[in-house]
Amino acid sequence: MILLMLYGLLGLAITYSWLRLPNMDHLPGWHAKMIGGTAAAPNQYRMLTPWIIEALCSAFPVPLQRAYFIERALVTGATLFAFDR
C-alpha cells in the first residue's frame, strides 16, 4: 500500500513538472486535432489519451489542462507500480 502511494506521488510530481512547461497554451488546439483525427504523426495514432480526457471532462467539471494532469498522474503512477511488480 505504501509503495502504491509512493508511485502515485511520483506520478503527481512528474506530471506537475510536465504541465509547468511554457507551451501548454497550445493544448486545447492540439487536443481538438487529436479528437478530430487531423493531428500530425505520431499523435494521430494515440487515440486513447484524448478520449480519456474527454470522459474526464464530461464526468467532472474540470478544465482541459487539469484533466490532462489527472490522467497523466494516474497513468504514470500506475505504470510505475505495474513495472515494479
N, C-alpha and C. Protein backbone atom coordinates (compact mmCIF):
# COMPACT_ATOMS: atom_id res chain seq x y z
N MET A 1 0.83 -1.20 0.00
CA MET A 1 0.00 0.00 0.00
C MET A 1 0.86 1.26 0.00
N ILE A 2 1.93 1.24 0.79
CA ILE A 2 2.82 2.40 0.84
C ILE A 2 3.51 2.60 -0.50
N LEU A 3 3.88 1.47 -1.14
CA LEU A 3 4.52 1.56 -2.45
C LEU A 3 3.57 2.17 -3.48
N LEU A 4 2.31 1.80 -3.42
CA LEU A 4 1.32 2.36 -4.33
C LEU A 4 1.17 3.86 -4.12
N MET A 5 1.15 4.30 -2.87
CA MET A 5 1.05 5.74 -2.58
C MET A 5 2.31 6.47 -3.05
N LEU A 6 3.48 5.85 -2.86
CA LEU A 6 4.73 6.46 -3.31
C LEU A 6 4.72 6.65 -4.82
N TYR A 7 4.30 5.63 -5.55
CA TYR A 7 4.26 5.75 -7.00
C TYR A 7 3.19 6.75 -7.45
N GLY A 8 2.11 6.84 -6.72
CA GLY A 8 1.11 7.86 -7.02
C GLY A 8 1.68 9.26 -6.84
N LEU A 9 2.43 9.47 -5.77
CA LEU A 9 3.06 10.78 -5.54
C LEU A 9 4.14 11.07 -6.59
N LEU A 10 4.89 10.05 -6.97
CA LEU A 10 5.88 10.24 -8.05
C LEU A 10 5.19 10.61 -9.36
N GLY A 11 4.06 9.96 -9.62
CA GLY A 11 3.29 10.30 -10.82
C GLY A 11 2.82 11.75 -10.78
N LEU A 12 2.37 12.20 -9.62
CA LEU A 12 1.95 13.60 -9.48
C LEU A 12 3.12 14.55 -9.69
N ALA A 13 4.29 14.21 -9.12
CA ALA A 13 5.46 15.08 -9.25
C ALA A 13 5.92 15.17 -10.69
N ILE A 14 5.98 14.05 -11.37
CA ILE A 14 6.40 14.06 -12.78
C ILE A 14 5.40 14.83 -13.62
N THR A 15 4.13 14.61 -13.37
CA THR A 15 3.10 15.30 -14.13
C THR A 15 3.12 16.80 -13.88
N TYR A 16 3.33 17.19 -12.63
CA TYR A 16 3.39 18.62 -12.30
C TYR A 16 4.54 19.29 -13.05
N SER A 17 5.67 18.63 -13.11
CA SER A 17 6.81 19.23 -13.83
C SER A 17 6.52 19.28 -15.32
N TRP A 18 5.82 18.28 -15.86
CA TRP A 18 5.48 18.28 -17.28
C TRP A 18 4.49 19.39 -17.61
N LEU A 19 3.52 19.62 -16.74
CA LEU A 19 2.50 20.63 -17.01
C LEU A 19 3.00 22.05 -16.79
N ARG A 20 4.14 22.22 -16.17
CA ARG A 20 4.69 23.56 -15.98
C ARG A 20 5.47 24.03 -17.20
N LEU A 21 5.50 23.23 -18.24
CA LEU A 21 6.17 23.65 -19.46
C LEU A 21 5.48 24.88 -20.02
N PRO A 22 6.24 25.78 -20.64
CA PRO A 22 5.64 27.03 -21.10
C PRO A 22 4.72 26.88 -22.31
N ASN A 23 4.75 25.77 -23.00
CA ASN A 23 3.95 25.65 -24.21
C ASN A 23 2.60 24.97 -23.98
N MET A 24 2.04 25.07 -22.80
CA MET A 24 0.75 24.45 -22.52
C MET A 24 -0.42 25.25 -23.09
N ASP A 25 -0.16 26.44 -23.62
CA ASP A 25 -1.23 27.23 -24.21
C ASP A 25 -1.79 26.60 -25.48
N HIS A 26 -0.99 25.78 -26.14
CA HIS A 26 -1.46 25.14 -27.37
C HIS A 26 -2.26 23.87 -27.10
N LEU A 27 -2.42 23.48 -25.86
CA LEU A 27 -3.08 22.22 -25.51
C LEU A 27 -4.51 22.11 -26.06
N PRO A 28 -5.37 23.11 -25.93
CA PRO A 28 -6.73 22.95 -26.47
C PRO A 28 -6.76 22.68 -27.99
N GLY A 29 -5.92 23.39 -28.75
CA GLY A 29 -5.87 23.16 -30.20
C GLY A 29 -5.32 21.79 -30.54
N TRP A 30 -4.28 21.40 -29.82
CA TRP A 30 -3.67 20.08 -30.03
C TRP A 30 -4.68 18.98 -29.70
N HIS A 31 -5.41 19.17 -28.61
CA HIS A 31 -6.43 18.19 -28.19
C HIS A 31 -7.52 18.08 -29.26
N ALA A 32 -7.95 19.21 -29.77
CA ALA A 32 -9.00 19.20 -30.81
C ALA A 32 -8.52 18.48 -32.07
N LYS A 33 -7.26 18.68 -32.44
CA LYS A 33 -6.72 17.98 -33.61
C LYS A 33 -6.65 16.47 -33.36
N MET A 34 -6.32 16.08 -32.14
CA MET A 34 -6.27 14.64 -31.84
C MET A 34 -7.66 14.03 -31.90
N ILE A 35 -8.65 14.72 -31.35
CA ILE A 35 -10.03 14.21 -31.38
C ILE A 35 -10.54 14.18 -32.82
N GLY A 36 -10.21 15.23 -33.60
CA GLY A 36 -10.68 15.31 -34.98
C GLY A 36 -9.94 14.43 -35.96
N GLY A 37 -8.82 13.83 -35.52
CA GLY A 37 -8.05 12.95 -36.40
C GLY A 37 -7.15 13.68 -37.36
N THR A 38 -6.88 14.96 -37.10
CA THR A 38 -6.02 15.72 -38.01
C THR A 38 -4.65 16.03 -37.42
N ALA A 39 -4.31 15.44 -36.28
CA ALA A 39 -3.01 15.68 -35.66
C ALA A 39 -1.91 15.02 -36.49
N ALA A 40 -0.72 15.61 -36.41
CA ALA A 40 0.41 15.05 -37.14
C ALA A 40 0.89 13.77 -36.45
N ALA A 41 1.57 12.93 -37.22
CA ALA A 41 2.13 11.69 -36.66
C ALA A 41 3.20 12.06 -35.63
N PRO A 42 3.39 11.35 -34.56
CA PRO A 42 2.72 10.12 -34.14
C PRO A 42 1.47 10.36 -33.33
N ASN A 43 1.10 11.63 -33.12
CA ASN A 43 -0.08 11.92 -32.29
C ASN A 43 -1.38 11.39 -32.87
N GLN A 44 -1.46 11.26 -34.18
CA GLN A 44 -2.70 10.77 -34.77
C GLN A 44 -2.97 9.31 -34.43
N TYR A 45 -1.95 8.61 -33.97
CA TYR A 45 -2.12 7.21 -33.61
C TYR A 45 -2.39 7.01 -32.12
N ARG A 46 -2.30 8.06 -31.35
CA ARG A 46 -2.55 7.98 -29.90
C ARG A 46 -4.01 8.34 -29.64
N MET A 47 -4.87 7.37 -29.82
CA MET A 47 -6.30 7.67 -29.80
C MET A 47 -6.92 7.54 -28.42
N LEU A 48 -6.32 6.80 -27.52
CA LEU A 48 -6.95 6.56 -26.23
C LEU A 48 -6.85 7.77 -25.30
N THR A 49 -5.71 8.44 -25.30
CA THR A 49 -5.50 9.56 -24.38
C THR A 49 -6.54 10.67 -24.53
N PRO A 50 -6.80 11.20 -25.72
CA PRO A 50 -7.78 12.29 -25.79
C PRO A 50 -9.19 11.86 -25.42
N TRP A 51 -9.53 10.61 -25.65
CA TRP A 51 -10.87 10.16 -25.29
C TRP A 51 -11.00 9.95 -23.78
N ILE A 52 -9.92 9.56 -23.13
CA ILE A 52 -9.94 9.50 -21.66
C ILE A 52 -10.13 10.91 -21.10
N ILE A 53 -9.45 11.87 -21.70
CA ILE A 53 -9.59 13.27 -21.28
C ILE A 53 -11.02 13.76 -21.50
N GLU A 54 -11.59 13.42 -22.64
CA GLU A 54 -12.98 13.80 -22.90
C GLU A 54 -13.92 13.20 -21.86
N ALA A 55 -13.68 11.96 -21.49
CA ALA A 55 -14.52 11.32 -20.47
C ALA A 55 -14.36 12.01 -19.12
N LEU A 56 -13.13 12.37 -18.76
CA LEU A 56 -12.90 13.09 -17.51
C LEU A 56 -13.61 14.44 -17.51
N CYS A 57 -13.50 15.15 -18.63
CA CYS A 57 -14.14 16.47 -18.71
C CYS A 57 -15.67 16.36 -18.68
N SER A 58 -16.20 15.28 -19.22
CA SER A 58 -17.65 15.08 -19.20
C SER A 58 -18.15 14.63 -17.83
N ALA A 59 -17.37 13.76 -17.18
CA ALA A 59 -17.80 13.23 -15.89
C ALA A 59 -17.63 14.23 -14.75
N PHE A 60 -16.58 15.03 -14.83
CA PHE A 60 -16.29 16.01 -13.78
C PHE A 60 -16.10 17.37 -14.44
N PRO A 61 -16.59 18.42 -13.83
CA PRO A 61 -16.41 19.76 -14.44
C PRO A 61 -14.99 20.29 -14.21
N VAL A 62 -14.04 19.75 -14.96
CA VAL A 62 -12.65 20.18 -14.82
C VAL A 62 -12.18 20.77 -16.14
N PRO A 63 -11.28 21.76 -16.08
CA PRO A 63 -10.71 22.30 -17.31
C PRO A 63 -9.82 21.27 -18.00
N LEU A 64 -9.55 21.50 -19.25
CA LEU A 64 -8.79 20.57 -20.07
C LEU A 64 -7.40 20.32 -19.48
N GLN A 65 -6.71 21.37 -19.07
CA GLN A 65 -5.37 21.20 -18.52
C GLN A 65 -5.39 20.35 -17.25
N ARG A 66 -6.37 20.55 -16.40
CA ARG A 66 -6.47 19.77 -15.17
C ARG A 66 -6.81 18.31 -15.48
N ALA A 67 -7.64 18.08 -16.49
CA ALA A 67 -7.97 16.70 -16.88
C ALA A 67 -6.71 15.98 -17.37
N TYR A 68 -5.86 16.68 -18.13
CA TYR A 68 -4.60 16.08 -18.56
C TYR A 68 -3.70 15.81 -17.36
N PHE A 69 -3.70 16.70 -16.39
CA PHE A 69 -2.91 16.50 -15.18
C PHE A 69 -3.35 15.25 -14.44
N ILE A 70 -4.66 15.09 -14.26
CA ILE A 70 -5.20 13.93 -13.55
C ILE A 70 -4.88 12.65 -14.30
N GLU A 71 -5.12 12.65 -15.60
CA GLU A 71 -4.89 11.45 -16.40
C GLU A 71 -3.41 11.07 -16.42
N ARG A 72 -2.56 12.04 -16.61
CA ARG A 72 -1.11 11.76 -16.67
C ARG A 72 -0.60 11.27 -15.32
N ALA A 73 -1.07 11.85 -14.24
CA ALA A 73 -0.63 11.42 -12.90
C ALA A 73 -1.07 9.99 -12.62
N LEU A 74 -2.33 9.66 -12.94
CA LEU A 74 -2.82 8.31 -12.69
C LEU A 74 -2.10 7.28 -13.55
N VAL A 75 -1.91 7.59 -14.82
CA VAL A 75 -1.25 6.65 -15.73
C VAL A 75 0.22 6.47 -15.35
N THR A 76 0.91 7.57 -15.02
CA THR A 76 2.32 7.47 -14.64
C THR A 76 2.48 6.68 -13.35
N GLY A 77 1.67 6.97 -12.34
CA GLY A 77 1.73 6.24 -11.09
C GLY A 77 1.42 4.77 -11.26
N ALA A 78 0.39 4.46 -12.03
CA ALA A 78 0.01 3.05 -12.27
C ALA A 78 1.09 2.32 -13.05
N THR A 79 1.70 3.00 -14.01
CA THR A 79 2.77 2.38 -14.80
C THR A 79 3.99 2.10 -13.94
N LEU A 80 4.37 3.05 -13.11
CA LEU A 80 5.49 2.83 -12.21
C LEU A 80 5.22 1.65 -11.28
N PHE A 81 4.00 1.58 -10.76
CA PHE A 81 3.64 0.48 -9.88
C PHE A 81 3.64 -0.86 -10.63
N ALA A 82 3.08 -0.87 -11.84
CA ALA A 82 3.00 -2.12 -12.60
C ALA A 82 4.37 -2.65 -12.98
N PHE A 83 5.27 -1.77 -13.37
CA PHE A 83 6.59 -2.23 -13.78
C PHE A 83 7.48 -2.59 -12.59
N ASP A 84 7.10 -2.21 -11.40
CA ASP A 84 7.86 -2.59 -10.22
C ASP A 84 7.52 -4.02 -9.80
N ARG A 85 6.37 -4.50 -10.20
CA ARG A 85 5.92 -5.85 -9.80
C ARG A 85 6.61 -6.92 -10.57
